[in-house]
Amino acid sequence: MQYGEGKYIIVFTSNYHAYYIEELLRRHNIESIYKKAPRSIAKSCNSAVYLSNEADLQKALELVRNGKIPFQSVFEIHRRDKQVEYQKVLLQ
């Protein structure tokens, strides 16, 4: 996955939590990118982990929950022409 790509975003309120999870995902061979969350979905200084597919998202959420790492929300990215929209994912 290249920078700027991704289909899902997990938003964290702590830079440390996002960085920790990105490293944890890498150790479990889950491709991800750590970067700042878009302002349209996270108004303050939030960080995010971007994932490329739903299978990776499910594995990542399992690791996040098992590690009891708090996260703010999860979004699906929709790209249309030059516009990007974020749809909140409802988790069970």
N, C-alpha and C. Protein backbone atom coordinates (compact mmCIF):
# COMPACT_ATOMS: atom_id res chain seq x y z
N MET A 1 0.86 -1.18 0.00
CA MET A 1 0.00 0.00 0.00
C MET A 1 0.89 1.23 0.00
N GLN A 2 0.57 2.18 -0.83
CA GLN A 2 1.34 3.41 -0.91
C GLN A 2 0.68 4.51 -0.11
N TYR A 3 1.48 5.50 0.26
CA TYR A 3 0.98 6.65 0.99
C TYR A 3 -0.14 7.30 0.19
N GLY A 4 -1.26 7.59 0.83
CA GLY A 4 -2.40 8.20 0.15
C GLY A 4 -3.44 7.19 -0.29
N GLU A 5 -3.08 5.91 -0.21
CA GLU A 5 -4.04 4.87 -0.54
C GLU A 5 -4.67 4.36 0.74
N GLY A 6 -5.58 3.46 0.59
CA GLY A 6 -6.23 2.87 1.75
C GLY A 6 -7.74 2.90 1.55
N LYS A 7 -8.39 1.95 2.16
CA LYS A 7 -9.85 1.86 2.06
C LYS A 7 -10.52 2.13 3.40
N TYR A 8 -9.78 1.89 4.49
CA TYR A 8 -10.33 2.08 5.84
C TYR A 8 -9.35 2.88 6.68
N ILE A 9 -9.91 3.61 7.66
CA ILE A 9 -9.11 4.40 8.60
C ILE A 9 -9.58 4.08 10.01
N ILE A 10 -8.63 3.78 10.89
CA ILE A 10 -8.92 3.69 12.31
C ILE A 10 -8.32 4.94 12.94
N VAL A 11 -9.16 5.75 13.57
CA VAL A 11 -8.73 7.02 14.15
C VAL A 11 -8.48 6.85 15.65
N PHE A 12 -7.34 7.35 16.09
CA PHE A 12 -6.95 7.29 17.49
C PHE A 12 -6.82 8.70 18.04
N THR A 13 -7.09 8.87 19.33
CA THR A 13 -6.94 10.19 19.95
C THR A 13 -5.52 10.42 20.42
N SER A 14 -4.71 9.39 20.41
CA SER A 14 -3.33 9.48 20.86
C SER A 14 -2.39 9.09 19.73
N ASN A 15 -1.40 9.93 19.48
CA ASN A 15 -0.38 9.59 18.49
C ASN A 15 0.34 8.30 18.87
N TYR A 16 0.61 8.15 20.14
CA TYR A 16 1.31 6.96 20.62
C TYR A 16 0.52 5.70 20.33
N HIS A 17 -0.79 5.72 20.58
CA HIS A 17 -1.62 4.54 20.31
C HIS A 17 -1.60 4.17 18.83
N ALA A 18 -1.73 5.15 17.97
CA ALA A 18 -1.73 4.88 16.53
C ALA A 18 -0.39 4.31 16.08
N TYR A 19 0.69 4.89 16.57
CA TYR A 19 2.02 4.40 16.21
C TYR A 19 2.22 2.98 16.72
N TYR A 20 1.81 2.72 17.94
CA TYR A 20 1.95 1.38 18.53
C TYR A 20 1.17 0.35 17.70
N ILE A 21 -0.06 0.68 17.34
CA ILE A 21 -0.89 -0.25 16.56
C ILE A 21 -0.29 -0.48 15.18
N GLU A 22 0.22 0.56 14.56
CA GLU A 22 0.84 0.40 13.24
C GLU A 22 2.02 -0.57 13.32
N GLU A 23 2.81 -0.46 14.35
CA GLU A 23 3.94 -1.38 14.54
C GLU A 23 3.43 -2.80 14.83
N LEU A 24 2.38 -2.92 15.63
CA LEU A 24 1.80 -4.22 15.95
C LEU A 24 1.25 -4.89 14.68
N LEU A 25 0.59 -4.11 13.85
CA LEU A 25 0.05 -4.64 12.59
C LEU A 25 1.17 -5.12 11.68
N ARG A 26 2.24 -4.37 11.63
CA ARG A 26 3.38 -4.75 10.80
C ARG A 26 3.95 -6.10 11.25
N ARG A 27 4.04 -6.29 12.57
CA ARG A 27 4.55 -7.56 13.11
C ARG A 27 3.62 -8.73 12.78
N HIS A 28 2.34 -8.44 12.54
CA HIS A 28 1.37 -9.48 12.17
C HIS A 28 1.13 -9.52 10.66
N ASN A 29 2.02 -8.91 9.90
CA ASN A 29 1.96 -8.90 8.43
C ASN A 29 0.67 -8.30 7.87
N ILE A 30 0.18 -7.28 8.56
CA ILE A 30 -0.99 -6.54 8.08
C ILE A 30 -0.48 -5.21 7.56
N GLU A 31 -0.66 -4.99 6.27
CA GLU A 31 -0.15 -3.78 5.64
C GLU A 31 -0.96 -2.56 6.10
N SER A 32 -0.27 -1.56 6.60
CA SER A 32 -0.94 -0.35 7.09
C SER A 32 0.00 0.84 6.97
N ILE A 33 -0.59 2.02 7.09
CA ILE A 33 0.19 3.27 7.07
C ILE A 33 -0.30 4.14 8.22
N TYR A 34 0.65 4.67 8.97
CA TYR A 34 0.37 5.59 10.08
C TYR A 34 0.52 7.00 9.55
N LYS A 35 -0.51 7.82 9.75
CA LYS A 35 -0.42 9.24 9.39
C LYS A 35 -1.52 10.02 10.08
N LYS A 36 -1.50 11.31 9.92
CA LYS A 36 -2.49 12.19 10.54
C LYS A 36 -3.87 11.92 9.95
N ALA A 37 -4.87 11.95 10.80
CA ALA A 37 -6.26 11.77 10.34
C ALA A 37 -6.72 13.02 9.60
N PRO A 38 -7.54 12.86 8.58
CA PRO A 38 -8.06 14.03 7.85
C PRO A 38 -8.86 14.95 8.77
N ARG A 39 -8.75 16.24 8.58
CA ARG A 39 -9.46 17.21 9.41
C ARG A 39 -10.98 17.06 9.34
N SER A 40 -11.47 16.56 8.23
CA SER A 40 -12.92 16.44 8.07
C SER A 40 -13.52 15.37 8.99
N ILE A 41 -12.70 14.46 9.50
CA ILE A 41 -13.23 13.43 10.40
C ILE A 41 -12.65 13.50 11.81
N ALA A 42 -11.59 14.26 11.99
CA ALA A 42 -10.96 14.38 13.31
C ALA A 42 -10.44 15.81 13.46
N LYS A 43 -11.16 16.61 14.20
CA LYS A 43 -10.86 18.04 14.29
C LYS A 43 -9.57 18.37 15.04
N SER A 44 -9.21 17.57 16.03
CA SER A 44 -8.00 17.88 16.78
C SER A 44 -6.81 17.12 16.20
N CYS A 45 -5.75 17.04 16.94
CA CYS A 45 -4.50 16.43 16.48
C CYS A 45 -4.57 14.91 16.57
N ASN A 46 -5.45 14.30 15.84
CA ASN A 46 -5.61 12.86 15.90
C ASN A 46 -4.75 12.18 14.85
N SER A 47 -4.34 10.97 15.15
CA SER A 47 -3.58 10.16 14.21
C SER A 47 -4.44 9.00 13.77
N ALA A 48 -4.03 8.38 12.67
CA ALA A 48 -4.83 7.30 12.12
C ALA A 48 -3.94 6.22 11.52
N VAL A 49 -4.52 5.05 11.40
CA VAL A 49 -3.89 3.94 10.71
C VAL A 49 -4.79 3.61 9.53
N TYR A 50 -4.20 3.61 8.34
CA TYR A 50 -4.93 3.33 7.11
C TYR A 50 -4.71 1.88 6.71
N LEU A 51 -5.77 1.21 6.30
CA LEU A 51 -5.73 -0.20 5.91
C LEU A 51 -6.31 -0.35 4.51
N SER A 52 -5.86 -1.37 3.80
CA SER A 52 -6.26 -1.49 2.40
C SER A 52 -7.51 -2.32 2.13
N ASN A 53 -7.90 -3.21 3.05
CA ASN A 53 -9.07 -4.03 2.75
C ASN A 53 -9.79 -4.43 4.03
N GLU A 54 -10.99 -4.99 3.85
CA GLU A 54 -11.85 -5.32 5.00
C GLU A 54 -11.28 -6.45 5.85
N ALA A 55 -10.63 -7.42 5.21
CA ALA A 55 -10.03 -8.53 5.97
C ALA A 55 -8.96 -8.00 6.92
N ASP A 56 -8.12 -7.08 6.41
CA ASP A 56 -7.09 -6.47 7.26
C ASP A 56 -7.72 -5.63 8.37
N LEU A 57 -8.83 -4.96 8.06
CA LEU A 57 -9.52 -4.16 9.07
C LEU A 57 -10.00 -5.05 10.20
N GLN A 58 -10.61 -6.18 9.88
CA GLN A 58 -11.12 -7.07 10.92
C GLN A 58 -9.99 -7.61 11.79
N LYS A 59 -8.87 -8.00 11.18
CA LYS A 59 -7.71 -8.49 11.93
C LYS A 59 -7.16 -7.37 12.82
N ALA A 60 -7.08 -6.17 12.26
CA ALA A 60 -6.55 -5.03 13.01
C ALA A 60 -7.43 -4.70 14.21
N LEU A 61 -8.74 -4.70 14.01
CA LEU A 61 -9.65 -4.40 15.12
C LEU A 61 -9.56 -5.46 16.21
N GLU A 62 -9.35 -6.69 15.81
CA GLU A 62 -9.18 -7.76 16.80
C GLU A 62 -7.93 -7.51 17.65
N LEU A 63 -6.83 -7.13 16.99
CA LEU A 63 -5.59 -6.83 17.73
C LEU A 63 -5.76 -5.61 18.63
N VAL A 64 -6.47 -4.59 18.13
CA VAL A 64 -6.71 -3.37 18.92
C VAL A 64 -7.52 -3.71 20.16
N ARG A 65 -8.58 -4.48 19.98
CA ARG A 65 -9.44 -4.84 21.11
C ARG A 65 -8.72 -5.75 22.10
N ASN A 66 -7.95 -6.72 21.59
CA ASN A 66 -7.21 -7.61 22.48
C ASN A 66 -6.16 -6.86 23.29
N GLY A 67 -5.59 -5.82 22.68
CA GLY A 67 -4.59 -5.00 23.38
C GLY A 67 -5.21 -3.91 24.22
N LYS A 68 -6.55 -3.81 24.19
CA LYS A 68 -7.29 -2.80 24.94
C LYS A 68 -6.78 -1.38 24.65
N ILE A 69 -6.51 -1.13 23.36
CA ILE A 69 -6.06 0.19 22.91
C ILE A 69 -7.30 0.99 22.51
N PRO A 70 -7.53 2.13 23.15
CA PRO A 70 -8.72 2.92 22.80
C PRO A 70 -8.57 3.58 21.43
N PHE A 71 -9.65 3.55 20.67
CA PHE A 71 -9.68 4.26 19.39
C PHE A 71 -10.95 5.08 19.32
N GLN A 72 -10.93 6.08 18.48
CA GLN A 72 -12.06 7.00 18.38
C GLN A 72 -13.15 6.46 17.46
N SER A 73 -12.78 6.08 16.24
CA SER A 73 -13.76 5.61 15.28
C SER A 73 -13.08 4.95 14.09
N VAL A 74 -13.90 4.35 13.22
CA VAL A 74 -13.42 3.70 12.01
C VAL A 74 -14.22 4.27 10.84
N PHE A 75 -13.53 4.56 9.75
CA PHE A 75 -14.18 5.12 8.57
C PHE A 75 -13.80 4.32 7.33
N GLU A 76 -14.75 4.25 6.39
CA GLU A 76 -14.47 3.70 5.07
C GLU A 76 -14.26 4.88 4.13
N ILE A 77 -13.27 4.77 3.27
CA ILE A 77 -12.93 5.86 2.34
C ILE A 77 -13.59 5.57 1.00
N HIS A 78 -14.29 6.58 0.47
CA HIS A 78 -14.90 6.50 -0.86
C HIS A 78 -14.28 7.58 -1.72
N ARG A 79 -13.62 7.17 -2.80
CA ARG A 79 -12.99 8.12 -3.72
C ARG A 79 -13.82 8.19 -5.00
N ARG A 80 -14.22 9.40 -5.35
CA ARG A 80 -14.97 9.63 -6.59
C ARG A 80 -14.32 10.80 -7.30
N ASP A 81 -13.77 10.51 -8.48
CA ASP A 81 -13.02 11.51 -9.23
C ASP A 81 -11.95 12.09 -8.32
N LYS A 82 -12.02 13.38 -8.04
CA LYS A 82 -11.02 14.01 -7.17
C LYS A 82 -11.55 14.26 -5.77
N GLN A 83 -12.75 13.79 -5.47
CA GLN A 83 -13.34 13.99 -4.16
C GLN A 83 -13.19 12.73 -3.31
N VAL A 84 -13.01 12.97 -2.01
CA VAL A 84 -12.89 11.87 -1.05
C VAL A 84 -13.97 12.06 0.01
N GLU A 85 -14.72 11.01 0.26
CA GLU A 85 -15.75 11.02 1.30
C GLU A 85 -15.43 9.94 2.31
N TYR A 86 -15.79 10.20 3.57
CA TYR A 86 -15.55 9.26 4.65
C TYR A 86 -16.86 8.85 5.25
N GLN A 87 -17.11 7.56 5.31
CA GLN A 87 -18.33 7.02 5.89
C GLN A 87 -17.98 6.25 7.15
N LYS A 88 -18.60 6.63 8.24
CA LYS A 88 -18.34 5.96 9.51
C LYS A 88 -18.82 4.51 9.44
N VAL A 89 -17.97 3.60 9.91
CA VAL A 89 -18.30 2.18 9.93
C VAL A 89 -18.91 1.85 11.27
N LEU A 90 -20.08 1.22 11.24
CA LEU A 90 -20.73 0.81 12.49
C LEU A 90 -20.14 -0.52 12.93
N LEU A 91 -19.59 -0.54 14.13
CA LEU A 91 -18.95 -1.75 14.64
C LEU A 91 -19.87 -2.47 15.60
N GLN A 92 -19.74 -3.80 15.63
CA GLN A 92 -20.55 -4.60 16.54
C GLN A 92 -19.73 -5.05 17.71
